[in-house]
Amino acid sequence: MSTLLGVPRWPVRRLYQRWRLHGRGALVSKKPVKPSYSFEFKLALVQRFLAGEGAMALAEEAQLSSPALLKTWARAYRRDGEDALRPRPKGRPPAPASTGESELDRLRRENEFLRAQNAYLGKLRALMEQQRRSR
């Protein structure tokens, strides 16, 4: 079929698997929200898959969108162990708490930085002036 359409085999195979799992509706409609699965659910399915049960049968039983999802979980499980299946926090990580530095310490550090910057710029000007004179 893929050669008739002029497309690679794997997308056609994936669509066929989804059609076998969910019928005609799987090819037309999309799920409105991406489902999330618990750690225990993922771990149980991956362990059954690694024990030799078929990905297609497990995906159908668990009502997954595709057997590829189960294979992705199994690959992560093999690579990183059980922790790979645990949910990760969403969003940006929280900002670090303030260091407790006093205002005086912060101003001293800023003053030190500005002095160093001023010295650097002074030496840079002197070098540029020296180059201009030597020409």
N, C-alpha and C. Protein backbone atom coordinates (compact mmCIF):
# COMPACT_ATOMS: atom_id res chain seq x y z
N MET A 1 0.82 -1.19 0.00
CA MET A 1 0.00 0.00 0.00
C MET A 1 0.87 1.26 0.00
N SER A 2 1.96 1.26 0.77
CA SER A 2 2.80 2.46 0.84
C SER A 2 3.44 2.77 -0.50
N THR A 3 3.79 1.74 -1.28
CA THR A 3 4.39 2.00 -2.59
C THR A 3 3.38 2.62 -3.55
N LEU A 4 2.09 2.23 -3.41
CA LEU A 4 1.05 2.85 -4.25
C LEU A 4 0.89 4.32 -3.93
N LEU A 5 1.03 4.67 -2.64
CA LEU A 5 0.87 6.05 -2.21
C LEU A 5 2.15 6.86 -2.34
N GLY A 6 3.27 6.17 -2.49
CA GLY A 6 4.55 6.87 -2.61
C GLY A 6 5.03 7.45 -1.30
N VAL A 7 4.74 6.76 -0.20
CA VAL A 7 5.16 7.21 1.13
C VAL A 7 5.94 6.09 1.80
N PRO A 8 6.72 6.41 2.84
CA PRO A 8 7.45 5.36 3.56
C PRO A 8 6.50 4.35 4.22
N ARG A 9 7.02 3.18 4.52
CA ARG A 9 6.20 2.11 5.08
C ARG A 9 5.74 2.37 6.51
N TRP A 10 6.61 2.92 7.35
CA TRP A 10 6.29 3.01 8.77
C TRP A 10 5.06 3.86 9.07
N PRO A 11 4.80 4.99 8.40
CA PRO A 11 3.58 5.73 8.72
C PRO A 11 2.31 4.93 8.37
N VAL A 12 2.38 4.23 7.25
CA VAL A 12 1.22 3.43 6.84
C VAL A 12 1.00 2.30 7.84
N ARG A 13 2.09 1.67 8.27
CA ARG A 13 1.99 0.59 9.25
C ARG A 13 1.40 1.10 10.57
N ARG A 14 1.83 2.29 11.00
CA ARG A 14 1.29 2.87 12.25
C ARG A 14 -0.21 3.15 12.13
N LEU A 15 -0.60 3.73 11.01
CA LEU A 15 -2.02 4.01 10.80
C LEU A 15 -2.83 2.72 10.78
N TYR A 16 -2.28 1.69 10.16
CA TYR A 16 -2.96 0.40 10.12
C TYR A 16 -3.11 -0.16 11.53
N GLN A 17 -2.07 -0.06 12.35
CA GLN A 17 -2.17 -0.55 13.73
C GLN A 17 -3.22 0.22 14.52
N ARG A 18 -3.26 1.53 14.34
CA ARG A 18 -4.29 2.32 15.03
C ARG A 18 -5.68 1.94 14.57
N TRP A 19 -5.82 1.70 13.27
CA TRP A 19 -7.11 1.28 12.74
C TRP A 19 -7.52 -0.06 13.35
N ARG A 20 -6.57 -0.99 13.48
CA ARG A 20 -6.88 -2.29 14.07
C ARG A 20 -7.27 -2.14 15.54
N LEU A 21 -6.65 -1.21 16.23
CA LEU A 21 -6.95 -1.01 17.66
C LEU A 21 -8.29 -0.33 17.89
N HIS A 22 -8.55 0.74 17.13
CA HIS A 22 -9.67 1.61 17.44
C HIS A 22 -10.73 1.72 16.35
N GLY A 23 -10.54 1.04 15.26
CA GLY A 23 -11.54 1.09 14.20
C GLY A 23 -11.40 2.33 13.34
N ARG A 24 -12.45 2.62 12.56
CA ARG A 24 -12.40 3.73 11.61
C ARG A 24 -12.25 5.09 12.27
N GLY A 25 -12.78 5.25 13.45
CA GLY A 25 -12.72 6.54 14.13
C GLY A 25 -11.31 6.98 14.48
N ALA A 26 -10.39 6.04 14.62
CA ALA A 26 -9.01 6.39 14.98
C ALA A 26 -8.31 7.16 13.87
N LEU A 27 -8.74 6.98 12.66
CA LEU A 27 -8.09 7.65 11.54
C LEU A 27 -8.67 9.03 11.26
N VAL A 28 -9.84 9.30 11.81
CA VAL A 28 -10.52 10.55 11.51
C VAL A 28 -10.44 11.54 12.66
N SER A 29 -10.76 11.11 13.86
CA SER A 29 -10.84 12.05 14.98
C SER A 29 -9.63 11.93 15.87
N LYS A 30 -9.34 13.00 16.54
CA LYS A 30 -8.24 13.04 17.51
C LYS A 30 -8.83 13.13 18.91
N LYS A 31 -8.09 12.63 19.86
CA LYS A 31 -8.52 12.77 21.25
C LYS A 31 -8.27 14.21 21.66
N PRO A 32 -9.21 14.83 22.39
CA PRO A 32 -9.05 16.24 22.72
C PRO A 32 -7.92 16.49 23.73
N VAL A 33 -7.68 15.54 24.61
CA VAL A 33 -6.66 15.73 25.64
C VAL A 33 -5.72 14.54 25.65
N LYS A 34 -4.46 14.81 25.77
CA LYS A 34 -3.48 13.72 25.85
C LYS A 34 -3.63 13.05 27.22
N PRO A 35 -3.94 11.75 27.24
CA PRO A 35 -4.13 11.10 28.53
C PRO A 35 -2.80 10.93 29.27
N SER A 36 -2.89 10.93 30.59
CA SER A 36 -1.69 10.65 31.38
C SER A 36 -1.92 9.33 32.10
N TYR A 37 -0.85 8.57 32.25
CA TYR A 37 -0.93 7.24 32.83
C TYR A 37 -0.10 7.20 34.10
N SER A 38 -0.57 6.46 35.08
CA SER A 38 0.14 6.38 36.35
C SER A 38 1.40 5.54 36.21
N PHE A 39 2.29 5.73 37.14
CA PHE A 39 3.55 4.98 37.15
C PHE A 39 3.28 3.48 37.24
N GLU A 40 2.37 3.08 38.11
CA GLU A 40 2.06 1.66 38.31
C GLU A 40 1.50 1.04 37.03
N PHE A 41 0.64 1.77 36.33
CA PHE A 41 0.03 1.30 35.10
C PHE A 41 1.12 1.06 34.04
N LYS A 42 2.00 2.05 33.87
CA LYS A 42 3.07 1.93 32.88
C LYS A 42 4.00 0.77 33.22
N LEU A 43 4.38 0.67 34.50
CA LEU A 43 5.31 -0.36 34.93
C LEU A 43 4.73 -1.75 34.69
N ALA A 44 3.45 -1.93 35.01
CA ALA A 44 2.82 -3.24 34.81
C ALA A 44 2.79 -3.61 33.33
N LEU A 45 2.43 -2.67 32.48
CA LEU A 45 2.39 -2.95 31.04
C LEU A 45 3.78 -3.25 30.47
N VAL A 46 4.77 -2.47 30.89
CA VAL A 46 6.13 -2.68 30.38
C VAL A 46 6.66 -4.04 30.83
N GLN A 47 6.40 -4.40 32.07
CA GLN A 47 6.88 -5.70 32.55
C GLN A 47 6.22 -6.85 31.79
N ARG A 48 4.94 -6.71 31.49
CA ARG A 48 4.26 -7.74 30.70
C ARG A 48 4.81 -7.79 29.28
N PHE A 49 5.10 -6.62 28.71
CA PHE A 49 5.66 -6.56 27.36
C PHE A 49 7.04 -7.21 27.32
N LEU A 50 7.88 -6.90 28.32
CA LEU A 50 9.22 -7.47 28.36
C LEU A 50 9.19 -8.97 28.68
N ALA A 51 8.10 -9.45 29.29
CA ALA A 51 7.96 -10.88 29.57
C ALA A 51 7.57 -11.66 28.32
N GLY A 52 7.19 -10.94 27.25
CA GLY A 52 6.93 -11.63 25.99
C GLY A 52 5.55 -11.42 25.41
N GLU A 53 4.67 -10.70 26.09
CA GLU A 53 3.35 -10.45 25.51
C GLU A 53 3.49 -9.45 24.36
N GLY A 54 2.60 -9.55 23.39
CA GLY A 54 2.66 -8.69 22.21
C GLY A 54 2.25 -7.26 22.49
N ALA A 55 2.92 -6.32 21.83
CA ALA A 55 2.64 -4.91 22.02
C ALA A 55 1.23 -4.56 21.55
N MET A 56 0.82 -5.15 20.43
CA MET A 56 -0.50 -4.86 19.88
C MET A 56 -1.60 -5.30 20.84
N ALA A 57 -1.47 -6.51 21.38
CA ALA A 57 -2.48 -7.03 22.30
C ALA A 57 -2.54 -6.21 23.58
N LEU A 58 -1.39 -5.84 24.11
CA LEU A 58 -1.35 -5.03 25.34
C LEU A 58 -1.93 -3.64 25.10
N ALA A 59 -1.59 -3.04 23.96
CA ALA A 59 -2.12 -1.71 23.65
C ALA A 59 -3.63 -1.75 23.50
N GLU A 60 -4.13 -2.80 22.90
CA GLU A 60 -5.57 -2.94 22.74
C GLU A 60 -6.25 -3.13 24.09
N GLU A 61 -5.68 -3.98 24.92
CA GLU A 61 -6.25 -4.24 26.25
C GLU A 61 -6.25 -2.98 27.12
N ALA A 62 -5.16 -2.23 27.08
CA ALA A 62 -5.03 -1.03 27.92
C ALA A 62 -5.62 0.21 27.26
N GLN A 63 -6.12 0.08 26.05
CA GLN A 63 -6.71 1.19 25.28
C GLN A 63 -5.72 2.33 25.08
N LEU A 64 -4.48 1.96 24.73
CA LEU A 64 -3.48 2.96 24.39
C LEU A 64 -3.73 3.45 22.98
N SER A 65 -3.22 4.63 22.66
CA SER A 65 -3.43 5.17 21.32
C SER A 65 -2.66 4.40 20.27
N SER A 66 -1.55 3.79 20.67
CA SER A 66 -0.71 3.09 19.71
C SER A 66 0.23 2.14 20.45
N PRO A 67 0.60 1.01 19.82
CA PRO A 67 1.60 0.14 20.45
C PRO A 67 2.97 0.81 20.53
N ALA A 68 3.20 1.83 19.71
CA ALA A 68 4.48 2.54 19.75
C ALA A 68 4.69 3.22 21.11
N LEU A 69 3.61 3.64 21.75
CA LEU A 69 3.71 4.25 23.07
C LEU A 69 4.27 3.25 24.07
N LEU A 70 3.79 2.04 24.03
CA LEU A 70 4.28 0.98 24.91
C LEU A 70 5.76 0.68 24.62
N LYS A 71 6.12 0.66 23.36
CA LYS A 71 7.52 0.41 23.00
C LYS A 71 8.43 1.54 23.48
N THR A 72 7.92 2.77 23.45
CA THR A 72 8.69 3.91 23.95
C THR A 72 8.92 3.78 25.45
N TRP A 73 7.88 3.40 26.19
CA TRP A 73 8.03 3.19 27.63
C TRP A 73 9.04 2.08 27.91
N ALA A 74 8.98 1.00 27.14
CA ALA A 74 9.89 -0.13 27.35
C ALA A 74 11.33 0.29 27.08
N ARG A 75 11.55 1.08 26.03
CA ARG A 75 12.90 1.55 25.71
C ARG A 75 13.44 2.43 26.84
N ALA A 76 12.60 3.32 27.36
CA ALA A 76 13.03 4.17 28.47
C ALA A 76 13.30 3.34 29.72
N TYR A 77 12.49 2.32 29.96
CA TYR A 77 12.65 1.45 31.12
C TYR A 77 13.98 0.69 31.03
N ARG A 78 14.31 0.19 29.86
CA ARG A 78 15.57 -0.53 29.68
C ARG A 78 16.77 0.40 29.88
N ARG A 79 16.63 1.63 29.42
CA ARG A 79 17.74 2.59 29.48
C ARG A 79 17.95 3.15 30.89
N ASP A 80 16.85 3.56 31.57
CA ASP A 80 16.98 4.28 32.84
C ASP A 80 16.30 3.60 34.02
N GLY A 81 15.70 2.45 33.81
CA GLY A 81 15.05 1.76 34.92
C GLY A 81 13.66 2.32 35.22
N GLU A 82 13.16 1.98 36.40
CA GLU A 82 11.80 2.38 36.78
C GLU A 82 11.60 3.89 36.83
N ASP A 83 12.64 4.61 37.18
CA ASP A 83 12.51 6.07 37.30
C ASP A 83 12.11 6.73 35.98
N ALA A 84 12.41 6.09 34.87
CA ALA A 84 12.06 6.66 33.57
C ALA A 84 10.54 6.70 33.37
N LEU A 85 9.81 5.85 34.08
CA LEU A 85 8.36 5.79 33.92
C LEU A 85 7.63 6.70 34.90
N ARG A 86 8.33 7.24 35.87
CA ARG A 86 7.69 8.13 36.86
C ARG A 86 7.34 9.46 36.21
N PRO A 87 6.23 10.05 36.64
CA PRO A 87 5.85 11.36 36.05
C PRO A 87 6.84 12.44 36.44
N ARG A 88 7.08 13.35 35.53
CA ARG A 88 7.98 14.46 35.79
C ARG A 88 7.17 15.73 36.01
N PRO A 89 7.67 16.62 36.84
CA PRO A 89 6.93 17.87 37.05
C PRO A 89 6.87 18.69 35.77
N LYS A 90 5.73 19.32 35.55
CA LYS A 90 5.55 20.11 34.34
C LYS A 90 5.94 21.55 34.59
N GLY A 91 6.34 22.21 33.52
CA GLY A 91 6.65 23.63 33.61
C GLY A 91 8.10 23.91 33.95
N ARG A 92 8.35 25.16 34.16
CA ARG A 92 9.70 25.63 34.47
C ARG A 92 10.03 25.32 35.92
N PRO A 93 11.27 24.91 36.20
CA PRO A 93 11.63 24.63 37.59
C PRO A 93 11.57 25.91 38.42
N PRO A 94 11.28 25.80 39.69
CA PRO A 94 11.16 27.01 40.52
C PRO A 94 12.50 27.74 40.65
N ALA A 95 12.41 29.04 40.82
CA ALA A 95 13.61 29.86 40.97
C ALA A 95 14.29 29.51 42.29
N PRO A 96 15.61 29.54 42.31
CA PRO A 96 16.30 29.23 43.56
C PRO A 96 15.98 30.27 44.63
N ALA A 97 15.96 29.82 45.86
CA ALA A 97 15.67 30.72 46.98
C ALA A 97 16.80 31.73 47.12
N SER A 98 16.51 32.87 47.71
CA SER A 98 17.54 33.89 47.87
C SER A 98 18.67 33.36 48.76
N THR A 99 19.87 33.83 48.49
CA THR A 99 21.04 33.31 49.19
C THR A 99 21.16 33.87 50.60
N GLY A 100 20.33 34.81 50.97
CA GLY A 100 20.41 35.40 52.30
C GLY A 100 21.51 36.44 52.39
N GLU A 101 22.00 36.90 51.26
CA GLU A 101 23.06 37.88 51.22
C GLU A 101 22.51 39.24 51.66
N SER A 102 23.25 39.92 52.48
CA SER A 102 22.77 41.22 52.96
C SER A 102 22.94 42.27 51.87
N GLU A 103 22.26 43.36 52.04
CA GLU A 103 22.33 44.47 51.08
C GLU A 103 23.75 45.02 51.03
N LEU A 104 24.41 45.10 52.17
CA LEU A 104 25.77 45.62 52.24
C LEU A 104 26.74 44.73 51.45
N ASP A 105 26.61 43.40 51.61
CA ASP A 105 27.46 42.48 50.86
C ASP A 105 27.24 42.59 49.36
N ARG A 106 25.98 42.73 48.97
CA ARG A 106 25.66 42.85 47.55
C ARG A 106 26.27 44.13 46.97
N LEU A 107 26.17 45.23 47.72
CA LEU A 107 26.74 46.50 47.25
C LEU A 107 28.26 46.45 47.19
N ARG A 108 28.90 45.77 48.15
CA ARG A 108 30.36 45.63 48.12
C ARG A 108 30.79 44.84 46.88
N ARG A 109 30.06 43.76 46.60
CA ARG A 109 30.38 42.95 45.42
C ARG A 109 30.21 43.77 44.14
N GLU A 110 29.13 44.54 44.08
CA GLU A 110 28.88 45.37 42.90
C GLU A 110 29.97 46.44 42.74
N ASN A 111 30.40 47.04 43.86
CA ASN A 111 31.45 48.06 43.84
C ASN A 111 32.77 47.46 43.35
N GLU A 112 33.07 46.25 43.80
CA GLU A 112 34.28 45.55 43.38
C GLU A 112 34.25 45.29 41.87
N PHE A 113 33.08 44.86 41.39
CA PHE A 113 32.93 44.60 39.95
C PHE A 113 33.13 45.88 39.15
N LEU A 114 32.55 46.98 39.59
CA LEU A 114 32.66 48.25 38.87
C LEU A 114 34.10 48.77 38.87
N ARG A 115 34.82 48.57 39.96
CA ARG A 115 36.23 48.98 39.99
C ARG A 115 37.06 48.18 38.99
N ALA A 116 36.82 46.87 38.94
CA ALA A 116 37.55 46.03 38.00
C ALA A 116 37.21 46.42 36.57
N GLN A 117 35.95 46.71 36.32
CA GLN A 117 35.53 47.11 34.98
C GLN A 117 36.19 48.43 34.58
N ASN A 118 36.24 49.36 35.51
CA ASN A 118 36.84 50.66 35.26
C ASN A 118 38.33 50.52 34.96
N ALA A 119 39.03 49.65 35.72
CA ALA A 119 40.46 49.42 35.50
C ALA A 119 40.68 48.80 34.12
N TYR A 120 39.85 47.85 33.76
CA TYR A 120 39.97 47.19 32.45
C TYR A 120 39.79 48.20 31.33
N LEU A 121 38.76 49.04 31.42
CA LEU A 121 38.51 50.03 30.37
C LEU A 121 39.64 51.06 30.30
N GLY A 122 40.21 51.42 31.45
CA GLY A 122 41.34 52.35 31.46
C GLY A 122 42.54 51.76 30.74
N LYS A 123 42.84 50.49 31.00
CA LYS A 123 43.97 49.85 30.32
C LYS A 123 43.70 49.70 28.83
N LEU A 124 42.45 49.44 28.47
CA LEU A 124 42.08 49.31 27.06
C LEU A 124 42.27 50.64 26.34
N ARG A 125 41.86 51.72 26.97
CA ARG A 125 42.05 53.05 26.36
C ARG A 125 43.54 53.35 26.19
N ALA A 126 44.34 53.01 27.20
CA ALA A 126 45.77 53.27 27.12
C ALA A 126 46.40 52.47 25.97
N LEU A 127 46.01 51.22 25.80
CA LEU A 127 46.54 50.41 24.70
C LEU A 127 46.14 50.98 23.35
N MET A 128 44.89 51.41 23.23
CA MET A 128 44.43 51.99 21.96
C MET A 128 45.17 53.28 21.66
N GLU A 129 45.42 54.08 22.68
CA GLU A 129 46.16 55.33 22.50
C GLU A 129 47.59 55.05 22.07
N GLN A 130 48.17 54.00 22.68
CA GLN A 130 49.55 53.63 22.34
C GLN A 130 49.64 53.15 20.89
N GLN A 131 48.64 52.40 20.44
CA GLN A 131 48.62 51.93 19.04
C GLN A 131 48.47 53.10 18.08
N ARG A 132 47.65 54.06 18.44
CA ARG A 132 47.43 55.23 17.58
C ARG A 132 48.72 56.05 17.44
N ARG A 133 49.49 56.19 18.53
CA ARG A 133 50.74 56.96 18.50
C ARG A 133 51.81 56.26 17.68
N SER A 134 51.82 54.92 17.71
CA SER A 134 52.86 54.17 17.02
C SER A 134 52.66 54.09 15.51
N ARG A 135 51.55 54.48 15.02
CA ARG A 135 51.27 54.43 13.57
C ARG A 135 51.89 55.52 12.82
